[in-house]
Protein backbone atom coordinates (compact mmCIF):
# COMPACT_ATOMS: atom_id res chain seq x y z
CA MET A 1 4.12 -13.01 -13.15
CA ALA A 2 3.90 -12.81 -9.39
CA HIS A 3 1.69 -14.39 -6.79
CA VAL A 4 0.26 -11.74 -4.46
CA THR A 5 -1.44 -12.26 -1.11
CA ILE A 6 -3.50 -9.32 0.13
CA MET A 7 -4.23 -9.15 3.84
CA GLY A 8 -7.64 -7.49 4.12
CA THR A 9 -10.87 -7.54 2.16
CA GLY A 10 -11.94 -3.88 2.09
CA ASN A 11 -12.14 -1.36 -0.75
CA MET A 12 -8.38 -0.96 -1.13
CA SER A 13 -7.85 -4.72 -1.00
CA GLN A 14 -10.39 -5.25 -3.75
CA ALA A 15 -8.94 -2.45 -5.89
CA ILE A 16 -5.36 -3.69 -5.55
CA ALA A 17 -6.54 -7.23 -6.33
CA GLY A 18 -8.12 -5.86 -9.51
CA VAL A 19 -4.85 -4.24 -10.57
CA VAL A 20 -2.92 -7.43 -9.88
CA ALA A 21 -5.40 -9.63 -11.77
CA ARG A 22 -5.55 -7.22 -14.76
CA GLY A 23 -1.81 -7.61 -15.10
CA GLY A 24 -1.99 -11.39 -15.22
CA SER A 25 -0.57 -12.14 -11.78
CA THR A 26 -2.39 -14.37 -9.35
CA VAL A 27 -3.93 -12.91 -6.23
CA GLU A 28 -5.56 -14.14 -3.05
CA LEU A 29 -7.30 -12.09 -0.37
CA LEU A 30 -7.12 -13.14 3.26
CA GLY A 31 -9.52 -11.66 5.78
CA ARG A 32 -10.03 -12.17 9.51
CA ALA A 33 -11.94 -15.39 8.89
CA ASP A 34 -8.94 -16.83 7.01
CA ALA A 35 -6.60 -17.01 10.02
CA ALA A 36 -5.86 -20.69 9.37
CA LYS A 37 -4.97 -20.19 5.70
CA PRO A 38 -1.25 -19.82 4.99
CA VAL A 39 0.27 -16.78 3.33
CA THR A 40 1.45 -18.10 -0.05
CA GLY A 41 2.24 -14.94 -2.01
CA ASP A 42 5.73 -13.82 -2.94
CA ILE A 43 4.39 -10.30 -2.43
CA VAL A 44 2.18 -9.67 0.61
CA VAL A 45 0.16 -6.47 0.70
CA LEU A 46 -0.99 -5.31 4.15
CA ALA A 47 -4.24 -3.63 3.14
CA VAL A 48 -5.52 -3.17 6.66
CA PRO A 49 -5.92 -0.03 8.77
CA TYR A 50 -2.74 0.97 10.58
CA PRO A 51 -3.99 -0.16 14.03
CA ALA A 52 -4.61 -3.67 12.63
CA VAL A 53 -0.98 -4.15 11.54
CA ALA A 54 0.03 -5.12 15.09
CA ASP A 55 -2.48 -7.99 15.03
CA VAL A 56 -1.21 -9.17 11.64
CA LEU A 57 2.32 -9.21 13.05
CA ILE A 58 1.24 -11.22 16.09
CA ARG A 59 -0.47 -13.83 13.91
CA ARG A 60 1.66 -13.85 10.75
CA ALA A 61 5.20 -12.49 11.37
CA ASP A 62 6.87 -15.86 10.80
CA GLU A 63 4.98 -16.38 7.54
CA LEU A 64 6.13 -12.97 6.27
CA SER A 65 9.81 -13.84 6.66
CA GLY A 66 11.60 -13.73 3.30
CA LYS A 67 8.64 -12.13 1.51
CA ILE A 68 8.15 -8.72 -0.04
CA VAL A 69 5.75 -6.98 2.37
CA VAL A 70 3.94 -3.89 1.09
CA ASP A 71 2.62 -1.44 3.68
CA ILE A 72 -0.25 0.67 2.34
CA THR A 73 -1.24 2.22 5.65
CA ASN A 74 -1.52 5.86 6.56
CA PRO A 75 -0.93 5.99 10.33
CA LEU A 76 -3.60 8.56 11.12
CA ASP A 77 -4.95 9.48 14.50
CA PHE A 78 -8.45 8.24 13.69
CA GLU A 79 -9.97 10.01 16.71
CA THR A 80 -8.89 13.51 15.77
CA PHE A 81 -8.09 12.93 12.08
CA ASP A 82 -5.55 15.69 12.60
CA SER A 83 -2.12 14.03 12.81
CA LEU A 84 0.02 11.02 12.15
CA VAL A 85 0.66 8.76 15.14
CA VAL A 86 4.25 7.75 14.36
CA PRO A 87 7.26 9.81 15.48
CA ALA A 88 8.20 12.69 13.20
CA ASP A 89 11.46 11.02 12.21
CA SER A 90 9.86 7.64 11.43
CA SER A 91 7.01 6.02 9.52
CA ALA A 92 4.63 3.09 9.75
CA ALA A 93 6.74 1.37 7.10
CA ALA A 94 9.93 1.87 9.13
CA GLU A 95 8.22 0.37 12.18
CA LEU A 96 7.10 -2.57 10.06
CA ALA A 97 10.62 -3.08 8.67
CA ALA A 98 12.01 -3.12 12.22
CA ALA A 99 9.41 -5.73 13.23
CA LEU A 100 10.12 -7.86 10.12
CA PRO A 101 13.92 -7.81 9.72
CA ARG A 102 13.90 -10.82 7.37
CA SER A 103 11.28 -9.32 5.03
CA ARG A 104 11.73 -6.80 2.24
CA VAL A 105 9.36 -3.99 3.27
CA LEU A 106 8.00 -1.50 0.74
CA LYS A 107 5.68 1.47 1.07
CA ALA A 108 3.15 1.78 -1.77
CA PHE A 109 -0.52 2.41 -2.62
CA ASN A 110 -1.03 4.79 0.34
CA THR A 111 -1.22 7.87 -1.91
CA THR A 112 -4.01 6.45 -4.08
CA PHE A 113 -7.69 5.86 -3.47
CA ALA A 114 -9.51 2.66 -4.38
CA ALA A 115 -11.50 4.48 -7.06
CA THR A 116 -8.35 5.76 -8.78
CA LEU A 117 -6.81 2.29 -8.73
CA LEU A 118 -9.93 0.83 -10.32
CA SER A 119 -10.34 3.53 -12.98
CA GLY A 120 -6.64 4.03 -13.69
CA VAL A 121 -7.08 7.81 -13.66
CA VAL A 122 -7.08 10.64 -11.12
CA GLY A 123 -9.64 13.44 -11.21
CA GLU A 124 -11.46 15.20 -14.00
CA ALA A 125 -8.16 15.78 -15.81
CA GLU A 126 -7.86 11.99 -15.97
CA LEU A 127 -4.20 11.91 -15.10
CA PRO A 128 -2.85 8.36 -15.05
CA THR A 129 -2.95 6.78 -11.59
CA THR A 130 0.59 6.58 -10.25
CA VAL A 131 1.70 4.25 -7.48
CA LEU A 132 4.68 5.67 -5.60
CA ILE A 133 6.97 2.95 -4.21
CA ALA A 134 9.58 3.44 -1.48
CA GLY A 135 11.94 0.78 -0.20
CA ASP A 136 15.53 -0.29 0.27
CA ASP A 137 15.47 -3.41 -1.93
CA ALA A 138 15.76 -2.56 -5.63
CA ASP A 139 14.64 -6.00 -6.79
CA ALA A 140 11.54 -5.91 -4.59
CA LYS A 141 10.63 -2.44 -5.88
CA SER A 142 11.15 -3.57 -9.46
CA LEU A 143 8.92 -6.64 -9.03
CA LEU A 144 6.12 -4.56 -7.47
CA ALA A 145 6.51 -1.92 -10.21
CA ASP A 146 6.18 -4.67 -12.83
CA VAL A 147 2.93 -5.88 -11.21
CA VAL A 148 1.58 -2.31 -11.08
CA THR A 149 2.46 -1.44 -14.67
CA ALA A 150 1.17 -4.77 -15.99
CA GLY A 151 -2.10 -3.83 -14.31
CA GLY A 152 -2.30 -0.63 -16.35
CA LEU A 153 -1.01 1.93 -13.83
CA ARG A 154 2.18 3.96 -13.58
CA ALA A 155 4.80 3.10 -10.97
CA VAL A 156 7.44 5.53 -9.75
CA ASP A 157 10.38 4.65 -7.52
CA ALA A 158 10.09 7.21 -4.73
CA GLY A 159 13.45 6.32 -3.18
CA SER A 160 14.57 4.51 -0.07
CA LEU A 161 12.30 3.41 2.75
CA LYS A 162 13.17 6.73 4.45
CA ARG A 163 10.81 8.36 1.91
CA ALA A 164 7.88 6.45 3.44
CA ARG A 165 7.50 9.30 5.93
CA GLU A 166 6.84 11.76 3.11
CA LEU A 167 4.51 9.32 1.36
CA GLU A 168 2.55 8.92 4.60
CA ALA A 169 2.33 12.71 5.00
CA LEU A 170 1.09 13.00 1.40
CA GLY A 171 -1.44 10.22 2.00
CA PHE A 172 -2.59 11.92 5.20
CA LEU A 173 -3.10 15.23 3.38
CA GLN A 174 -5.02 13.56 0.56
CA LEU A 175 -7.28 11.69 3.00
CA THR A 176 -8.07 14.81 5.01
CA LEU A 177 -8.88 16.73 1.84
CA ALA A 178 -11.26 14.00 0.67
CA ALA A 179 -12.84 13.54 4.12
CA GLY A 180 -13.34 17.33 4.25
CA GLU A 181 -15.02 17.17 0.83
CA LYS A 182 -12.40 19.45 -0.71
CA ILE A 183 -11.57 16.80 -3.32
CA PRO A 184 -13.61 13.78 -4.42
CA TRP A 185 -12.60 10.19 -3.61
CA THR A 186 -11.98 9.84 -7.36
CA GLY A 187 -9.45 12.65 -7.17
CA GLY A 188 -6.13 13.05 -5.45
CA PHE A 189 -2.60 13.81 -6.48
CA GLY A 190 -1.33 13.00 -9.95
CA VAL A 191 2.25 12.73 -11.10
CA VAL A 192 3.02 14.31 -14.45
CA GLY A 193 6.20 13.23 -16.16
């Protein structure tokens, strides 16, 4: 069992909290009003929009030292909704890892929607919801995968943190398809094994 702190209280935060709780791990959600509460989780999920990560780092970087930090963001240009805002050879997760050198940074949950996390299936075909996990620390990935699978979902090791760029591109594509009403928010990409 793990103890998970989720930074954020939105739809994705609630859905991830549901997965964590279903699997028997403990979970706490911290929102803006909880600035004085300490981060106590072994795993910390940053379930905030990409622009809000900088504020989390200003307020909480020291508390994240030594923890597994999971970046779920998709660094979209929210004005044009037409591109990612990180350099082509980088990712939001890579930027986060550089800012938190004493943390074990993972990329996960950015290629799923809240509805697919809650239901455990993707689309009308009801493919199992799969959480893709990228990172450089095998133990951290394994612990997060255990939390995900205990919560009833599939977890797939997507490789090193370098793969976060591809996960963010996939998340970006999925979001633009849903926002353009080409797929429903209960749909998305499924992984068939």
